[in-house]
């Protein structure tokens, strides 16, 4: 019996050691998901610091069972309007149903939609996206979590990890502004069989994919992007693939805040520049 006890203790210690080694740290979590938080800020005006802090707190920096097995980083439960998959987990009550997502990016997007669509959170959107303190207090007041210390925990995470810098990230793009007068994202035909759109402020992979009924994973593949990448206004995003597209890698270089000109290069697989400059005389201004 003692032999079995020692074996069980050894296995338990090994599992704890593995968890400590493999667990995502706060710094790793921030690096991985800051792009998702900033995208939702651009679309919904929710401070990126608040979104990141909630994700870190609710998912234990991506290490909670809900985050690992259901890609649910915000502890959002199923409601009458939820038609997607679910994950059964013991929380306030035994066997509760939580929303399950295909990837963490969907969880970030659904979190923003959830806040925007619930009337008891409406007052939050009167706050500035740099006013993370009122947002934290407001989330606690609106009952996002049952923890009465929720606001203090969010503020502590934000300040300890300097998450507030992501609320003003668009004001610090190394001298380059954001284009505000790109009028639409009507698909344009490029090479044979290709269609692309020009990114507007507030666009993200999920928004474009939804608008044009294209799978988000295909948008990522066609443009060699990941779900977390931030889409800069003025960039081309391809909606279809072709042999020509797969042989080149278009990417956005910069927007000049003085002239409003953009440049784009296409690089072939050997690293050679095979494109001509892409310039549009749009005016630009700093993000507010």
C-alpha atoms as a PDB file:
ATOM      1  CA  UNK A   1       0.000   0.000   0.000  1.00  0.00           C
ATOM      2  CA  UNK A   2       2.838   2.391   0.884  1.00  0.00           C
ATOM      3  CA  UNK A   3       4.370   1.627  -2.475  1.00  0.00           C
ATOM      4  CA  UNK A   4       1.168   2.647  -4.262  1.00  0.00           C
ATOM      5  CA  UNK A   5       0.875   5.799  -2.165  1.00  0.00           C
ATOM      6  CA  UNK A   6       4.405   6.805  -3.104  1.00  0.00           C
ATOM      7  CA  UNK A   7       3.647   6.132  -6.766  1.00  0.00           C
ATOM      8  CA  UNK A   8       0.478   8.246  -6.662  1.00  0.00           C
ATOM      9  CA  UNK A   9       2.313  11.084  -4.928  1.00  0.00           C
ATOM     10  CA  UNK A  10       5.104  10.907  -7.505  1.00  0.00           C
ATOM     11  CA  UNK A  11       2.619  11.092 -10.379  1.00  0.00           C
ATOM     12  CA  UNK A  12       0.804  14.021  -8.744  1.00  0.00           C
ATOM     13  CA  UNK A  13       4.094  15.864  -8.237  1.00  0.00           C
ATOM     14  CA  UNK A  14       5.064  15.201 -11.868  1.00  0.00           C
ATOM     15  CA  UNK A  15       1.738  16.567 -13.106  1.00  0.00           C
ATOM     16  CA  UNK A  16       2.109  19.693 -10.978  1.00  0.00           C
ATOM     17  CA  UNK A  17       5.637  20.196 -12.297  1.00  0.00           C
ATOM     18  CA  UNK A  18       4.484  19.795 -15.912  1.00  0.00           C
ATOM     19  CA  UNK A  19       1.668  22.283 -15.344  1.00  0.00           C
ATOM     20  CA  UNK A  20       4.107  24.805 -13.897  1.00  0.00           C
ATOM     21  CA  UNK A  21       6.404  24.376 -16.903  1.00  0.00           C
ATOM     22  CA  UNK A  22       3.692  24.505 -19.559  1.00  0.00           C
ATOM     23  CA  UNK A  23       1.409  27.137 -17.981  1.00  0.00           C
ATOM     24  CA  UNK A  24       1.098  30.414 -19.856  1.00  0.00           C
ATOM     25  CA  UNK A  25       2.593  33.351 -17.973  1.00  0.00           C
ATOM     26  CA  UNK A  26       0.938  36.805 -17.816  1.00  0.00           C
ATOM     27  CA  UNK A  27       3.602  38.218 -20.157  1.00  0.00           C
ATOM     28  CA  UNK A  28       3.040  35.423 -22.684  1.00  0.00           C
ATOM     29  CA  UNK A  29      -0.721  35.875 -22.513  1.00  0.00           C
ATOM     30  CA  UNK A  30      -0.471  39.611 -23.118  1.00  0.00           C
ATOM     31  CA  UNK A  31       1.841  39.119 -26.091  1.00  0.00           C
ATOM     32  CA  UNK A  32      -0.455  36.477 -27.561  1.00  0.00           C
ATOM     33  CA  UNK A  33      -3.778  38.308 -27.218  1.00  0.00           C
ATOM     34  CA  UNK A  34      -3.064  42.043 -27.195  1.00  0.00           C
ATOM     35  CA  UNK A  35      -3.871  42.142 -30.926  1.00  0.00           C
ATOM     36  CA  UNK A  36      -7.329  40.666 -30.280  1.00  0.00           C
ATOM     37  CA  UNK A  37      -7.991  43.223 -27.543  1.00  0.00           C
ATOM     38  CA  UNK A  38      -6.902  46.150 -29.705  1.00  0.00           C
ATOM     39  CA  UNK A  39      -9.079  44.975 -32.611  1.00  0.00           C
ATOM     40  CA  UNK A  40     -12.155  44.859 -30.396  1.00  0.00           C
ATOM     41  CA  UNK A  41     -11.289  48.323 -29.077  1.00  0.00           C
ATOM     42  CA  UNK A  42     -11.253  49.667 -32.641  1.00  0.00           C
ATOM     43  CA  UNK A  43     -14.638  48.129 -33.402  1.00  0.00           C
ATOM     44  CA  UNK A  44     -16.531  48.553 -30.122  1.00  0.00           C
ATOM     45  CA  UNK A  45     -14.585  51.243 -28.235  1.00  0.00           C
ATOM     46  CA  UNK A  46     -13.969  48.925 -25.270  1.00  0.00           C
ATOM     47  CA  UNK A  47     -10.572  49.700 -23.691  1.00  0.00           C
ATOM     48  CA  UNK A  48      -8.022  47.093 -24.735  1.00  0.00           C
ATOM     49  CA  UNK A  49      -6.697  47.145 -21.177  1.00  0.00           C
ATOM     50  CA  UNK A  50     -10.092  46.097 -19.810  1.00  0.00           C
ATOM     51  CA  UNK A  51     -10.485  43.289 -22.340  1.00  0.00           C
ATOM     52  CA  UNK A  52      -6.994  41.947 -21.650  1.00  0.00           C
ATOM     53  CA  UNK A  53      -7.416  42.216 -17.878  1.00  0.00           C
ATOM     54  CA  UNK A  54     -10.744  40.388 -18.002  1.00  0.00           C
ATOM     55  CA  UNK A  55      -9.234  37.685 -20.195  1.00  0.00           C
ATOM     56  CA  UNK A  56      -6.296  37.254 -17.827  1.00  0.00           C
ATOM     57  CA  UNK A  57      -8.501  37.145 -14.733  1.00  0.00           C
ATOM     58  CA  UNK A  58     -11.318  34.980 -16.082  1.00  0.00           C
ATOM     59  CA  UNK A  59      -9.080  32.470 -17.891  1.00  0.00           C
ATOM     60  CA  UNK A  60      -6.186  32.486 -15.415  1.00  0.00           C
ATOM     61  CA  UNK A  61      -3.977  33.691 -18.270  1.00  0.00           C
ATOM     62  CA  UNK A  62      -5.323  31.019 -20.601  1.00  0.00           C
ATOM     63  CA  UNK A  63      -4.727  28.140 -18.186  1.00  0.00           C
ATOM     64  CA  UNK A  64      -8.277  27.542 -16.931  1.00  0.00           C
ATOM     65  CA  UNK A  65     -10.218  24.462 -18.111  1.00  0.00           C
ATOM     66  CA  UNK A  66     -12.676  26.733 -19.939  1.00  0.00           C
ATOM     67  CA  UNK A  67      -9.848  28.395 -21.871  1.00  0.00           C
ATOM     68  CA  UNK A  68      -7.985  25.153 -22.578  1.00  0.00           C
ATOM     69  CA  UNK A  69     -10.938  22.973 -23.601  1.00  0.00           C
ATOM     70  CA  UNK A  70     -13.503  25.508 -24.842  1.00  0.00           C
ATOM     71  CA  UNK A  71     -11.387  28.526 -25.925  1.00  0.00           C
ATOM     72  CA  UNK A  72     -13.620  30.528 -23.563  1.00  0.00           C
ATOM     73  CA  UNK A  73     -11.463  33.282 -22.058  1.00  0.00           C
ATOM     74  CA  UNK A  74     -14.236  35.353 -20.450  1.00  0.00           C
ATOM     75  CA  UNK A  75     -16.403  32.850 -18.618  1.00  0.00           C
ATOM     76  CA  UNK A  76     -19.466  33.630 -20.734  1.00  0.00           C
ATOM     77  CA  UNK A  77     -22.257  31.124 -20.206  1.00  0.00           C
ATOM     78  CA  UNK A  78     -24.812  29.915 -22.730  1.00  0.00           C
ATOM     79  CA  UNK A  79     -28.004  31.944 -22.889  1.00  0.00           C
ATOM     80  CA  UNK A  80     -31.244  31.649 -24.840  1.00  0.00           C
ATOM     81  CA  UNK A  81     -29.698  33.409 -27.837  1.00  0.00           C
ATOM     82  CA  UNK A  82     -26.661  31.090 -28.008  1.00  0.00           C
ATOM     83  CA  UNK A  83     -26.864  28.504 -30.806  1.00  0.00           C
ATOM     84  CA  UNK A  84     -23.240  27.373 -30.832  1.00  0.00           C
ATOM     85  CA  UNK A  85     -21.400  24.544 -29.117  1.00  0.00           C
ATOM     86  CA  UNK A  86     -21.079  24.408 -25.337  1.00  0.00           C
ATOM     87  CA  UNK A  87     -18.840  23.025 -22.609  1.00  0.00           C
ATOM     88  CA  UNK A  88     -20.141  21.643 -19.307  1.00  0.00           C
ATOM     89  CA  UNK A  89     -18.281  22.961 -16.272  1.00  0.00           C
ATOM     90  CA  UNK A  90     -18.940  23.285 -12.540  1.00  0.00           C
ATOM     91  CA  UNK A  91     -18.986  26.952 -11.577  1.00  0.00           C
ATOM     92  CA  UNK A  92     -21.490  28.672  -9.263  1.00  0.00           C
ATOM     93  CA  UNK A  93     -23.628  25.588  -9.799  1.00  0.00           C
ATOM     94  CA  UNK A  94     -22.790  22.067 -10.884  1.00  0.00           C
ATOM     95  CA  UNK A  95     -22.898  21.227 -14.589  1.00  0.00           C
ATOM     96  CA  UNK A  96     -23.321  24.725 -16.024  1.00  0.00           C
ATOM     97  CA  UNK A  97     -23.148  25.264 -19.781  1.00  0.00           C
ATOM     98  CA  UNK A  98     -20.489  27.643 -21.086  1.00  0.00           C
ATOM     99  CA  UNK A  99     -19.990  28.869 -24.628  1.00  0.00           C
ATOM    100  CA  UNK A 100     -17.416  26.947 -26.644  1.00  0.00           C
ATOM    101  CA  UNK A 101     -15.447  28.550 -29.486  1.00  0.00           C
ATOM    102  CA  UNK A 102     -13.291  27.290 -32.327  1.00  0.00           C
ATOM    103  CA  UNK A 103     -10.411  29.559 -31.312  1.00  0.00           C
ATOM    104  CA  UNK A 104      -9.615  32.268 -28.713  1.00  0.00           C
ATOM    105  CA  UNK A 105     -10.155  35.038 -31.269  1.00  0.00           C
ATOM    106  CA  UNK A 106     -13.837  34.095 -31.474  1.00  0.00           C
ATOM    107  CA  UNK A 107     -14.033  34.333 -27.694  1.00  0.00           C
ATOM    108  CA  UNK A 108     -12.604  37.871 -27.764  1.00  0.00           C
ATOM    109  CA  UNK A 109     -15.038  38.946 -30.460  1.00  0.00           C
ATOM    110  CA  UNK A 110     -18.028  37.370 -28.716  1.00  0.00           C
ATOM    111  CA  UNK A 111     -17.060  39.051 -25.438  1.00  0.00           C
ATOM    112  CA  UNK A 112     -17.256  42.459 -27.124  1.00  0.00           C
ATOM    113  CA  UNK A 113     -20.568  41.565 -28.808  1.00  0.00           C
ATOM    114  CA  UNK A 114     -21.886  40.334 -25.460  1.00  0.00           C
ATOM    115  CA  UNK A 115     -21.125  43.623 -23.703  1.00  0.00           C
ATOM    116  CA  UNK A 116     -22.486  45.692 -26.577  1.00  0.00           C
ATOM    117  CA  UNK A 117     -25.754  43.773 -26.885  1.00  0.00           C
ATOM    118  CA  UNK A 118     -26.774  43.655 -23.191  1.00  0.00           C
ATOM    119  CA  UNK A 119     -28.751  46.739 -22.073  1.00  0.00           C
ATOM    120  CA  UNK A 120     -27.322  46.660 -18.539  1.00  0.00           C
ATOM    121  CA  UNK A 121     -23.864  47.376 -19.985  1.00  0.00           C
ATOM    122  CA  UNK A 122     -25.005  50.275 -22.192  1.00  0.00           C
ATOM    123  CA  UNK A 123     -23.838  52.972 -19.770  1.00  0.00           C
ATOM    124  CA  UNK A 124     -20.248  51.697 -20.052  1.00  0.00           C
ATOM    125  CA  UNK A 125     -20.007  52.856 -23.657  1.00  0.00           C
ATOM    126  CA  UNK A 126     -20.403  56.467 -22.567  1.00  0.00           C
ATOM    127  CA  UNK A 127     -16.926  56.241 -21.053  1.00  0.00           C
ATOM    128  CA  UNK A 128     -13.776  56.994 -23.002  1.00  0.00           C
ATOM    129  CA  UNK A 129     -11.742  54.020 -24.162  1.00  0.00           C
ATOM    130  CA  UNK A 130      -8.867  55.401 -22.079  1.00  0.00           C
ATOM    131  CA  UNK A 131     -11.016  55.492 -18.927  1.00  0.00           C
ATOM    132  CA  UNK A 132     -10.240  51.963 -17.772  1.00  0.00           C
ATOM    133  CA  UNK A 133     -10.987  52.789 -14.105  1.00  0.00           C
ATOM    134  CA  UNK A 134     -14.649  53.661 -14.730  1.00  0.00           C
ATOM    135  CA  UNK A 135     -14.966  50.637 -17.003  1.00  0.00           C
ATOM    136  CA  UNK A 136     -13.668  48.329 -14.269  1.00  0.00           C
ATOM    137  CA  UNK A 137     -15.982  49.816 -11.641  1.00  0.00           C
ATOM    138  CA  UNK A 138     -18.885  49.753 -14.100  1.00  0.00           C
ATOM    139  CA  UNK A 139     -18.413  46.074 -14.948  1.00  0.00           C
ATOM    140  CA  UNK A 140     -18.575  45.200 -11.257  1.00  0.00           C
ATOM    141  CA  UNK A 141     -21.622  47.438 -10.772  1.00  0.00           C
ATOM    142  CA  UNK A 142     -23.400  45.836 -13.755  1.00  0.00           C
ATOM    143  CA  UNK A 143     -22.829  42.372 -12.294  1.00  0.00           C
ATOM    144  CA  UNK A 144     -20.402  40.905 -14.826  1.00  0.00           C
ATOM    145  CA  UNK A 145     -18.988  38.718 -12.040  1.00  0.00           C
ATOM    146  CA  UNK A 146     -20.302  37.668  -8.634  1.00  0.00           C
ATOM    147  CA  UNK A 147     -16.995  38.614  -6.999  1.00  0.00           C
ATOM    148  CA  UNK A 148     -17.522  41.852  -5.052  1.00  0.00           C
ATOM    149  CA  UNK A 149     -13.814  42.627  -5.453  1.00  0.00           C
ATOM    150  CA  UNK A 150     -13.908  42.350  -9.250  1.00  0.00           C
ATOM    151  CA  UNK A 151     -13.062  45.981 -10.079  1.00  0.00           C
ATOM    152  CA  UNK A 152     -10.061  46.066  -7.745  1.00  0.00           C
ATOM    153  CA  UNK A 153      -8.676  42.878  -9.286  1.00  0.00           C
ATOM    154  CA  UNK A 154      -9.035  44.256 -12.821  1.00  0.00           C
ATOM    155  CA  UNK A 155      -7.345  47.531 -11.890  1.00  0.00           C
ATOM    156  CA  UNK A 156      -4.515  45.682 -10.188  1.00  0.00           C
ATOM    157  CA  UNK A 157      -3.893  43.550 -13.296  1.00  0.00           C
ATOM    158  CA  UNK A 158      -4.001  46.602 -15.579  1.00  0.00           C
ATOM    159  CA  UNK A 159      -1.564  48.622 -13.495  1.00  0.00           C
ATOM    160  CA  UNK A 160       0.847  45.810 -12.660  1.00  0.00           C
ATOM    161  CA  UNK A 161       1.152  44.854 -16.339  1.00  0.00           C
ATOM    162  CA  UNK A 162       0.877  48.400 -17.779  1.00  0.00           C
ATOM    163  CA  UNK A 163      -2.038  47.314 -19.957  1.00  0.00           C
ATOM    164  CA  UNK A 164      -3.236  50.920 -20.261  1.00  0.00           C
ATOM    165  CA  UNK A 165      -0.565  51.497 -22.932  1.00  0.00           C
ATOM    166  CA  UNK A 166      -2.698  49.498 -25.375  1.00  0.00           C
ATOM    167  CA  UNK A 167      -5.596  51.941 -24.955  1.00  0.00           C
ATOM    168  CA  UNK A 168      -3.541  54.646 -26.688  1.00  0.00           C
ATOM    169  CA  UNK A 169      -1.559  52.430 -29.043  1.00  0.00           C
ATOM    170  CA  UNK A 170      -2.972  54.139 -32.144  1.00  0.00           C
ATOM    171  CA  UNK A 171      -1.533  57.454 -31.001  1.00  0.00           C
ATOM    172  CA  UNK A 172       1.973  56.039 -30.960  1.00  0.00           C
ATOM    173  CA  UNK A 173       2.511  54.493 -34.376  1.00  0.00           C
ATOM    174  CA  UNK A 174       5.993  55.970 -34.913  1.00  0.00           C
ATOM    175  CA  UNK A 175       4.764  59.104 -36.665  1.00  0.00           C
ATOM    176  CA  UNK A 176       2.260  57.398 -38.935  1.00  0.00           C
ATOM    177  CA  UNK A 177      -1.409  58.235 -38.732  1.00  0.00           C
ATOM    178  CA  UNK A 178      -4.548  56.291 -39.475  1.00  0.00           C
ATOM    179  CA  UNK A 179      -6.538  56.705 -42.681  1.00  0.00           C
ATOM    180  CA  UNK A 180     -10.097  57.822 -41.984  1.00  0.00           C
ATOM    181  CA  UNK A 181     -11.453  58.519 -45.452  1.00  0.00           C
ATOM    182  CA  UNK A 182     -11.229  55.170 -47.194  1.00  0.00           C
ATOM    183  CA  UNK A 183     -14.837  55.162 -48.232  1.00  0.00           C
ATOM    184  CA  UNK A 184     -15.807  51.496 -48.484  1.00  0.00           C
ATOM    185  CA  UNK A 185     -14.701  47.908 -48.589  1.00  0.00           C
ATOM    186  CA  UNK A 186     -16.458  47.007 -51.824  1.00  0.00           C
ATOM    187  CA  UNK A 187     -14.608  43.996 -53.254  1.00  0.00           C
ATOM    188  CA  UNK A 188     -12.260  44.878 -56.103  1.00  0.00           C
ATOM    189  CA  UNK A 189     -11.098  42.408 -58.732  1.00  0.00           C
ATOM    190  CA  UNK A 190      -7.336  42.012 -58.925  1.00  0.00           C
ATOM    191  CA  UNK A 191      -5.524  39.160 -60.648  1.00  0.00           C
ATOM    192  CA  UNK A 192      -7.708  36.644 -62.506  1.00  0.00           C
ATOM    193  CA  UNK A 193      -9.993  34.934 -60.019  1.00  0.00           C
ATOM    194  CA  UNK A 194      -9.027  37.255 -57.169  1.00  0.00           C
ATOM    195  CA  UNK A 195     -11.053  39.699 -55.143  1.00  0.00           C
ATOM    196  CA  UNK A 196      -9.806  41.933 -52.382  1.00  0.00           C
ATOM    197  CA  UNK A 197     -11.040  44.704 -50.099  1.00  0.00           C
ATOM    198  CA  UNK A 198      -9.268  47.726 -48.660  1.00  0.00           C
ATOM    199  CA  UNK A 199      -9.233  47.757 -44.869  1.00  0.00           C
ATOM    200  CA  UNK A 200     -11.126  50.567 -43.125  1.00  0.00           C
ATOM    201  CA  UNK A 201     -10.537  51.730 -39.547  1.00  0.00           C
ATOM    202  CA  UNK A 202     -12.173  49.250 -37.203  1.00  0.00           C
ATOM    203  CA  UNK A 203     -11.997  46.309 -39.604  1.00  0.00           C
ATOM    204  CA  UNK A 204     -10.704  42.965 -38.400  1.00  0.00           C
ATOM    205  CA  UNK A 205     -10.486  39.492 -39.889  1.00  0.00           C
ATOM    206  CA  UNK A 206     -13.775  38.345 -38.356  1.00  0.00           C
ATOM    207  CA  UNK A 207     -15.668  41.468 -39.438  1.00  0.00           C
ATOM    208  CA  UNK A 208     -14.496  41.221 -43.052  1.00  0.00           C
ATOM    209  CA  UNK A 209     -15.118  37.469 -43.168  1.00  0.00           C
ATOM    210  CA  UNK A 210     -18.650  37.940 -41.843  1.00  0.00           C
ATOM    211  CA  UNK A 211     -19.487  40.813 -44.216  1.00  0.00           C
ATOM    212  CA  UNK A 212     -18.423  38.896 -47.315  1.00  0.00           C
ATOM    213  CA  UNK A 213     -19.441  35.412 -46.167  1.00  0.00           C
ATOM    214  CA  UNK A 214     -15.908  34.019 -46.281  1.00  0.00           C
ATOM    215  CA  UNK A 215     -14.487  31.646 -43.698  1.00  0.00           C
ATOM    216  CA  UNK A 216     -12.110  33.543 -41.384  1.00  0.00           C
ATOM    217  CA  UNK A 217      -9.525  30.760 -41.619  1.00  0.00           C
ATOM    218  CA  UNK A 218      -9.442  31.182 -45.414  1.00  0.00           C
ATOM    219  CA  UNK A 219      -8.964  34.945 -45.075  1.00  0.00           C
ATOM    220  CA  UNK A 220      -5.988  34.217 -42.823  1.00  0.00           C
ATOM    221  CA  UNK A 221      -4.571  31.694 -45.285  1.00  0.00           C
ATOM    222  CA  UNK A 222      -5.005  33.868 -48.373  1.00  0.00           C
ATOM    223  CA  UNK A 223      -3.261  36.784 -46.676  1.00  0.00           C
ATOM    224  CA  UNK A 224      -0.730  34.870 -44.562  1.00  0.00           C
ATOM    225  CA  UNK A 225      -2.184  36.289 -41.358  1.00  0.00           C
ATOM    226  CA  UNK A 226      -3.061  34.927 -37.948  1.00  0.00           C
ATOM    227  CA  UNK A 227      -6.360  35.571 -36.165  1.00  0.00           C
ATOM    228  CA  UNK A 228      -4.624  37.995 -33.780  1.00  0.00           C
ATOM    229  CA  UNK A 229      -3.011  40.236 -36.414  1.00  0.00           C
ATOM    230  CA  UNK A 230      -4.058  43.895 -36.416  1.00  0.00           C
ATOM    231  CA  UNK A 231      -5.267  45.081 -39.833  1.00  0.00           C
ATOM    232  CA  UNK A 232      -3.966  48.538 -40.652  1.00  0.00           C
ATOM    233  CA  UNK A 233      -6.300  50.767 -42.680  1.00  0.00           C
ATOM    234  CA  UNK A 234      -5.301  50.915 -46.334  1.00  0.00           C
ATOM    235  CA  UNK A 235      -4.134  47.325 -46.578  1.00  0.00           C
ATOM    236  CA  UNK A 236      -5.461  44.918 -49.210  1.00  0.00           C
ATOM    237  CA  UNK A 237      -7.166  41.826 -47.827  1.00  0.00           C
ATOM    238  CA  UNK A 238      -7.762  39.091 -50.387  1.00  0.00           C
ATOM    239  CA  UNK A 239     -11.078  37.237 -50.252  1.00  0.00           C
ATOM    240  CA  UNK A 240     -10.169  34.582 -52.801  1.00  0.00           C
ATOM    241  CA  UNK A 241      -7.075  32.582 -53.549  1.00  0.00           C
ATOM    242  CA  UNK A 242      -5.213  31.830 -56.756  1.00  0.00           C
ATOM    243  CA  UNK A 243      -1.872  30.471 -57.860  1.00  0.00           C
ATOM    244  CA  UNK A 244      -0.631  34.017 -58.381  1.00  0.00           C
ATOM    245  CA  UNK A 245      -1.655  35.004 -54.862  1.00  0.00           C
ATOM    246  CA  UNK A 246       0.011  31.998 -53.295  1.00  0.00           C
ATOM    247  CA  UNK A 247       3.278  32.809 -55.047  1.00  0.00           C
ATOM    248  CA  UNK A 248       3.460  36.338 -53.628  1.00  0.00           C
ATOM    249  CA  UNK A 249       3.207  37.849 -50.200  1.00  0.00           C
ATOM    250  CA  UNK A 250       1.655  41.339 -50.335  1.00  0.00           C
ATOM    251  CA  UNK A 251       2.118  43.290 -47.156  1.00  0.00           C
ATOM    252  CA  UNK A 252       1.371  46.774 -45.925  1.00  0.00           C
ATOM    253  CA  UNK A 253       4.399  48.966 -45.322  1.00  0.00           C
ATOM    254  CA  UNK A 254       3.184  52.242 -43.864  1.00  0.00           C
ATOM    255  CA  UNK A 255       0.873  55.246 -43.989  1.00  0.00           C
ATOM    256  CA  UNK A 256       2.634  58.599 -44.017  1.00  0.00           C
ATOM    257  CA  UNK A 257       0.880  61.036 -41.686  1.00  0.00           C
ATOM    258  CA  UNK A 258       2.062  64.048 -43.707  1.00  0.00           C
ATOM    259  CA  UNK A 259       1.359  63.033 -47.311  1.00  0.00           C
ATOM    260  CA  UNK A 260      -1.276  60.397 -46.647  1.00  0.00           C
ATOM    261  CA  UNK A 261       0.462  58.048 -49.095  1.00  0.00           C
ATOM    262  CA  UNK A 262       0.751  54.344 -48.610  1.00  0.00           C
ATOM    263  CA  UNK A 263       3.176  51.885 -50.101  1.00  0.00           C
ATOM    264  CA  UNK A 264       2.853  48.162 -50.541  1.00  0.00           C
ATOM    265  CA  UNK A 265       5.306  45.562 -51.774  1.00  0.00           C
ATOM    266  CA  UNK A 266       4.817  42.068 -53.134  1.00  0.00           C
ATOM    267  CA  UNK A 267       7.665  39.721 -52.352  1.00  0.00           C
ATOM    268  CA  UNK A 268       8.104  36.491 -54.231  1.00  0.00           C
ATOM    269  CA  UNK A 269       9.273  33.282 -52.567  1.00  0.00           C
ATOM    270  CA  UNK A 270      12.916  34.134 -53.169  1.00  0.00           C
ATOM    271  CA  UNK A 271      12.551  37.494 -51.408  1.00  0.00           C
ATOM    272  CA  UNK A 272      12.652  39.695 -54.534  1.00  0.00           C
ATOM    273  CA  UNK A 273      10.465  42.794 -54.801  1.00  0.00           C
ATOM    274  CA  UNK A 274       8.232  42.208 -57.829  1.00  0.00           C
ATOM    275  CA  UNK A 275       5.682  44.993 -57.453  1.00  0.00           C
ATOM    276  CA  UNK A 276       5.289  48.632 -58.296  1.00  0.00           C
ATOM    277  CA  UNK A 277       4.488  51.209 -55.595  1.00  0.00           C
ATOM    278  CA  UNK A 278       0.886  51.347 -54.443  1.00  0.00           C
ATOM    279  CA  UNK A 279       0.015  54.973 -53.726  1.00  0.00           C
ATOM    280  CA  UNK A 280      -3.314  56.558 -52.963  1.00  0.00           C
ATOM    281  CA  UNK A 281      -3.513  60.299 -52.164  1.00  0.00           C
ATOM    282  CA  UNK A 282      -5.678  59.911 -49.065  1.00  0.00           C
ATOM    283  CA  UNK A 283      -5.377  62.426 -46.262  1.00  0.00           C
ATOM    284  CA  UNK A 284      -4.663  61.059 -42.831  1.00  0.00           C
ATOM    285  CA  UNK A 285      -4.713  62.280 -39.288  1.00  0.00           C
ATOM    286  CA  UNK A 286      -3.716  61.029 -35.906  1.00  0.00           C
ATOM    287  CA  UNK A 287      -6.162  58.824 -34.040  1.00  0.00           C
ATOM    288  CA  UNK A 288      -7.863  60.561 -31.171  1.00  0.00           C
END
